[in-house]
Amino acid sequence: MKKHELRTVMKQTLRDLSDRGGRSVAVWQNLERLEEFQQAVLSHGMIAVYVSLHEELEGEVETARFFDRITCPVAVPYCERGELELFHLQALKHPLDELEPQTLGILEPRSELRADPSRRVLPEELALVVTPGLAFDRTGGRLGRGGGYYDRVFARIDSKREKPVPKIALAFDCQILDQVPVEPHDIRLDGIITESEIIRCRTIIPGRLRFP
């Protein structure tokens, strides 16, 4: 199945999924068990976390309502000139105080706040990146929504670091497939968290296996 066909199928699958709120709680609880998440919290490192789409728009795993459970700095993405940038979100207990609806109702930092240079997050500040997506496989393959925003920001972040930052996706069980179509520029994930499991991804390379 081609990428655009699979996106259509997965969007409908997510729209049809029941109890997304309860499932999101289970996903978040599993994220909190993740070693990389716990290390980031203990070291007071910066975690980049997407702000979930409104439930009516394909219902991603919810994130914003759990921000007040994070006890380390949090960065959220926003789009600027066609690229994703990262904003230091400080109102974790009341994130809507610093966010406002933008294109398609997606919540992004308020324009007057994103203009503050002290809120701009540099790649080397990140300890963990938590990403959304439409479909995933156990080798770390990720199917996004088609803009390539996250692959570009992943590449930009890693280019500024000695070691790649761990990249973890949040997903529902129904989003884990046997295989998703990937291209050479697509960046694979290190792990995927669902409501029922923590998946450690492995990338299959001819002749050997690479475990992150």
Foldseek 3Di string as FASTA:
>chain_A
DDQVVVLVVLLVVLLPDPPLVVFLVLLVVVVCVDPLLVVCQVVLFEEEEEADDDCNRSHWRHDLCCQVVRNHWYWYWDDDPLAIWIFTQDPSNCSVVQWFQDPPGGTDGDPVRVVPVVGTDALVRHQEYEDEARAAEQQQDGRHPPSCRVLVVQVVSCVVDPHRHAYEYEGEPVRYDNDDDDDPSGDGHQWYGGSPDIGGHWHDDPPDIDGD
